[in-house]
């Protein structure tokens, strides 16, 4: 299994032992990360870095992420 297959996100929940809404999934792609994680019920953080992050940041679907961040360091402040 691999992203964006829904089985991948179900496995994340299974392995973590957490409910979907207790997981914050971070990714730089909408199609492989943010949208399928959101569909599975997870909270999402769209990280705008690297080529995919900048390309996907222009898409309206980027606004569906719970958070938009530029670096992983921002998560410390968001989750504190």
N, C-alpha and C. Protein backbone atom coordinates (compact mmCIF):
# COMPACT_ATOMS: atom_id res chain seq x y z
N UNK A 1 0.84 -1.17 0.00
CA UNK A 1 0.00 0.00 0.00
C UNK A 1 0.89 1.24 0.00
N UNK A 2 0.38 2.29 -0.56
CA UNK A 2 1.14 3.53 -0.66
C UNK A 2 0.15 4.70 -0.74
N UNK A 3 0.65 5.88 -0.43
CA UNK A 3 -0.18 7.07 -0.57
C UNK A 3 -0.53 7.24 -2.04
N UNK A 4 -1.68 7.68 -2.39
CA UNK A 4 -2.78 8.19 -1.58
C UNK A 4 -3.85 7.14 -1.25
N UNK A 5 -3.53 5.86 -1.36
CA UNK A 5 -4.49 4.80 -1.07
C UNK A 5 -5.03 4.96 0.36
N UNK A 6 -6.34 4.87 0.50
CA UNK A 6 -6.96 5.04 1.83
C UNK A 6 -6.46 3.99 2.82
N UNK A 7 -6.00 2.85 2.32
CA UNK A 7 -5.45 1.82 3.20
C UNK A 7 -4.18 2.31 3.91
N UNK A 8 -3.42 3.17 3.24
CA UNK A 8 -2.23 3.73 3.86
C UNK A 8 -2.60 4.54 5.10
N UNK A 9 -3.62 5.37 4.97
CA UNK A 9 -4.02 6.24 6.08
C UNK A 9 -4.70 5.43 7.19
N UNK A 10 -5.40 4.37 6.81
CA UNK A 10 -5.97 3.47 7.82
C UNK A 10 -4.85 2.79 8.60
N UNK A 11 -3.78 2.46 7.92
CA UNK A 11 -2.63 1.82 8.59
C UNK A 11 -1.95 2.79 9.55
N UNK A 12 -1.87 4.05 9.18
CA UNK A 12 -1.31 5.06 10.08
C UNK A 12 -2.10 5.07 11.39
N UNK A 13 -3.42 5.05 11.28
CA UNK A 13 -4.26 5.04 12.47
C UNK A 13 -4.07 3.75 13.27
N UNK A 14 -4.03 2.64 12.56
CA UNK A 14 -3.86 1.35 13.23
C UNK A 14 -2.54 1.28 13.99
N UNK A 15 -1.46 1.67 13.33
CA UNK A 15 -0.14 1.60 13.95
C UNK A 15 0.01 2.58 15.11
N UNK A 16 -0.63 3.73 15.00
CA UNK A 16 -0.51 4.74 16.07
C UNK A 16 -1.43 4.43 17.24
N UNK A 17 -2.50 3.69 16.97
CA UNK A 17 -3.47 3.42 18.01
C UNK A 17 -4.35 4.62 18.33
N UNK A 18 -4.36 5.59 17.42
CA UNK A 18 -5.13 6.82 17.62
C UNK A 18 -6.30 6.90 16.65
N UNK A 19 -7.32 7.60 17.07
CA UNK A 19 -8.44 7.90 16.18
C UNK A 19 -7.97 8.92 15.14
N UNK A 20 -8.63 8.94 14.01
CA UNK A 20 -8.24 9.85 12.93
C UNK A 20 -8.16 11.29 13.38
N UNK A 21 -9.15 11.74 14.17
CA UNK A 21 -9.17 13.16 14.55
C UNK A 21 -8.11 13.52 15.60
N UNK A 22 -7.35 12.53 16.07
CA UNK A 22 -6.26 12.79 17.01
C UNK A 22 -4.91 12.86 16.30
N UNK A 23 -4.92 12.71 14.98
CA UNK A 23 -3.68 12.71 14.19
C UNK A 23 -3.60 13.98 13.35
N UNK A 24 -2.43 14.59 13.36
CA UNK A 24 -2.14 15.72 12.47
C UNK A 24 -1.17 15.20 11.42
N UNK A 25 -1.65 15.09 10.20
CA UNK A 25 -0.83 14.58 9.10
C UNK A 25 -0.23 15.76 8.35
N UNK A 26 1.08 15.75 8.20
CA UNK A 26 1.80 16.85 7.56
C UNK A 26 2.29 16.39 6.20
N UNK A 27 2.05 17.20 5.17
CA UNK A 27 2.54 16.85 3.85
C UNK A 27 2.67 18.06 2.95
N UNK A 28 3.46 17.89 1.89
CA UNK A 28 3.70 18.98 0.95
C UNK A 28 2.96 18.80 -0.37
N UNK A 29 2.14 17.78 -0.45
CA UNK A 29 1.34 17.56 -1.65
C UNK A 29 -0.12 17.46 -1.27
N UNK A 30 -0.96 18.03 -2.09
CA UNK A 30 -2.40 17.94 -1.84
C UNK A 30 -2.92 16.56 -2.21
N UNK A 31 -2.51 16.06 -3.36
CA UNK A 31 -3.05 14.80 -3.89
C UNK A 31 -2.59 13.56 -3.14
N UNK A 32 -1.40 13.57 -2.58
CA UNK A 32 -0.86 12.40 -1.89
C UNK A 32 -0.94 12.51 -0.38
N UNK A 33 -1.07 13.72 0.14
CA UNK A 33 -0.99 13.93 1.58
C UNK A 33 -2.26 14.56 2.15
N UNK A 34 -2.45 15.83 1.88
CA UNK A 34 -3.48 16.61 2.56
C UNK A 34 -4.89 16.12 2.27
N UNK A 35 -5.26 15.97 1.02
CA UNK A 35 -6.63 15.61 0.69
C UNK A 35 -7.00 14.19 1.13
N UNK A 36 -6.16 13.18 0.88
CA UNK A 36 -6.55 11.85 1.37
C UNK A 36 -6.51 11.73 2.89
N UNK A 37 -5.60 12.41 3.56
CA UNK A 37 -5.57 12.38 5.03
C UNK A 37 -6.83 13.05 5.57
N UNK A 38 -7.21 14.15 4.98
CA UNK A 38 -8.43 14.86 5.38
C UNK A 38 -9.66 13.97 5.16
N UNK A 39 -9.68 13.29 4.03
CA UNK A 39 -10.80 12.39 3.72
C UNK A 39 -10.91 11.27 4.76
N UNK A 40 -9.77 10.85 5.30
CA UNK A 40 -9.78 9.79 6.30
C UNK A 40 -10.17 10.31 7.69
N UNK A 41 -10.31 11.63 7.81
CA UNK A 41 -10.73 12.22 9.08
C UNK A 41 -9.62 12.83 9.90
N UNK A 42 -8.39 12.79 9.38
CA UNK A 42 -7.26 13.36 10.10
C UNK A 42 -7.23 14.88 9.95
N UNK A 43 -6.62 15.53 10.90
CA UNK A 43 -6.32 16.95 10.77
C UNK A 43 -5.10 17.03 9.85
N UNK A 44 -4.96 18.14 9.14
CA UNK A 44 -3.88 18.23 8.16
C UNK A 44 -3.11 19.54 8.28
N UNK A 45 -1.83 19.44 7.99
CA UNK A 45 -0.97 20.61 7.88
C UNK A 45 -0.29 20.54 6.52
N UNK A 46 -0.51 21.54 5.72
CA UNK A 46 0.10 21.63 4.40
C UNK A 46 1.38 22.44 4.55
N UNK A 47 2.52 21.78 4.30
CA UNK A 47 3.81 22.46 4.43
C UNK A 47 4.25 22.93 3.04
N UNK A 48 4.50 24.20 2.95
CA UNK A 48 4.85 24.82 1.67
C UNK A 48 6.37 24.88 1.59
N UNK A 49 6.94 23.81 1.09
CA UNK A 49 8.39 23.72 0.90
C UNK A 49 8.65 22.79 -0.26
N UNK A 50 9.78 22.95 -0.88
CA UNK A 50 10.12 22.13 -2.04
C UNK A 50 9.23 22.45 -3.22
N UNK A 51 9.55 21.86 -4.36
CA UNK A 51 8.78 22.19 -5.57
C UNK A 51 7.30 21.86 -5.48
N UNK A 52 6.95 20.67 -4.95
CA UNK A 52 5.54 20.32 -4.88
C UNK A 52 4.76 21.24 -3.96
N UNK A 53 5.35 21.57 -2.84
CA UNK A 53 4.66 22.46 -1.90
C UNK A 53 4.32 23.80 -2.53
N UNK A 54 5.27 24.36 -3.27
CA UNK A 54 5.03 25.67 -3.88
C UNK A 54 4.06 25.59 -5.05
N UNK A 55 4.13 24.50 -5.80
CA UNK A 55 3.18 24.32 -6.92
C UNK A 55 1.77 24.14 -6.38
N UNK A 56 1.62 23.27 -5.38
CA UNK A 56 0.30 22.98 -4.84
C UNK A 56 -0.27 24.13 -4.01
N UNK A 57 0.58 24.99 -3.49
CA UNK A 57 0.10 26.14 -2.71
C UNK A 57 -0.75 27.08 -3.54
N UNK A 58 -0.59 27.05 -4.84
CA UNK A 58 -1.38 27.91 -5.74
C UNK A 58 -2.79 27.39 -5.97
N UNK A 59 -3.04 26.16 -5.60
CA UNK A 59 -4.35 25.55 -5.85
C UNK A 59 -5.33 25.92 -4.75
N UNK A 60 -6.59 26.13 -5.10
CA UNK A 60 -7.59 26.49 -4.10
C UNK A 60 -7.77 25.42 -3.02
N UNK A 61 -7.53 24.16 -3.35
CA UNK A 61 -7.69 23.08 -2.38
C UNK A 61 -6.71 23.19 -1.22
N UNK A 62 -5.64 23.96 -1.41
CA UNK A 62 -4.66 24.15 -0.33
C UNK A 62 -5.32 24.78 0.89
N UNK A 63 -6.39 25.51 0.67
CA UNK A 63 -7.11 26.15 1.78
C UNK A 63 -7.91 25.15 2.62
N UNK A 64 -8.02 23.91 2.16
CA UNK A 64 -8.75 22.89 2.91
C UNK A 64 -7.93 22.35 4.08
N UNK A 65 -6.63 22.55 4.05
CA UNK A 65 -5.78 22.08 5.15
C UNK A 65 -6.13 22.85 6.41
N UNK A 66 -6.03 22.18 7.55
CA UNK A 66 -6.29 22.85 8.82
C UNK A 66 -5.23 23.91 9.10
N UNK A 67 -4.00 23.64 8.67
CA UNK A 67 -2.89 24.58 8.87
C UNK A 67 -2.08 24.66 7.58
N UNK A 68 -1.53 25.83 7.34
CA UNK A 68 -0.56 26.04 6.26
C UNK A 68 0.71 26.53 6.93
N UNK A 69 1.79 25.80 6.72
CA UNK A 69 3.04 26.14 7.39
C UNK A 69 4.18 26.20 6.38
N UNK A 70 5.24 26.88 6.78
CA UNK A 70 6.43 27.01 5.94
C UNK A 70 7.55 26.07 6.41
N UNK A 71 7.49 25.67 7.68
CA UNK A 71 8.52 24.78 8.22
C UNK A 71 7.93 23.92 9.32
N UNK A 72 8.60 22.82 9.63
CA UNK A 72 8.15 21.94 10.70
C UNK A 72 8.26 22.62 12.07
N UNK A 73 9.15 23.58 12.18
CA UNK A 73 9.30 24.31 13.44
C UNK A 73 8.00 25.02 13.85
N UNK A 74 7.21 25.42 12.88
CA UNK A 74 5.94 26.09 13.18
C UNK A 74 4.98 25.17 13.93
N UNK A 75 5.11 23.87 13.75
CA UNK A 75 4.22 22.93 14.44
C UNK A 75 4.37 23.03 15.95
N UNK A 76 5.56 23.31 16.43
CA UNK A 76 5.80 23.43 17.86
C UNK A 76 4.88 24.50 18.45
N UNK A 77 4.79 25.63 17.77
CA UNK A 77 3.96 26.73 18.25
C UNK A 77 2.47 26.45 18.07
N UNK A 78 2.13 25.79 16.98
CA UNK A 78 0.71 25.49 16.72
C UNK A 78 0.16 24.48 17.71
N UNK A 79 0.97 23.54 18.09
CA UNK A 79 0.50 22.45 18.95
C UNK A 79 0.74 22.68 20.42
N UNK A 80 1.41 23.78 20.77
CA UNK A 80 1.70 24.05 22.19
C UNK A 80 0.46 24.49 22.93
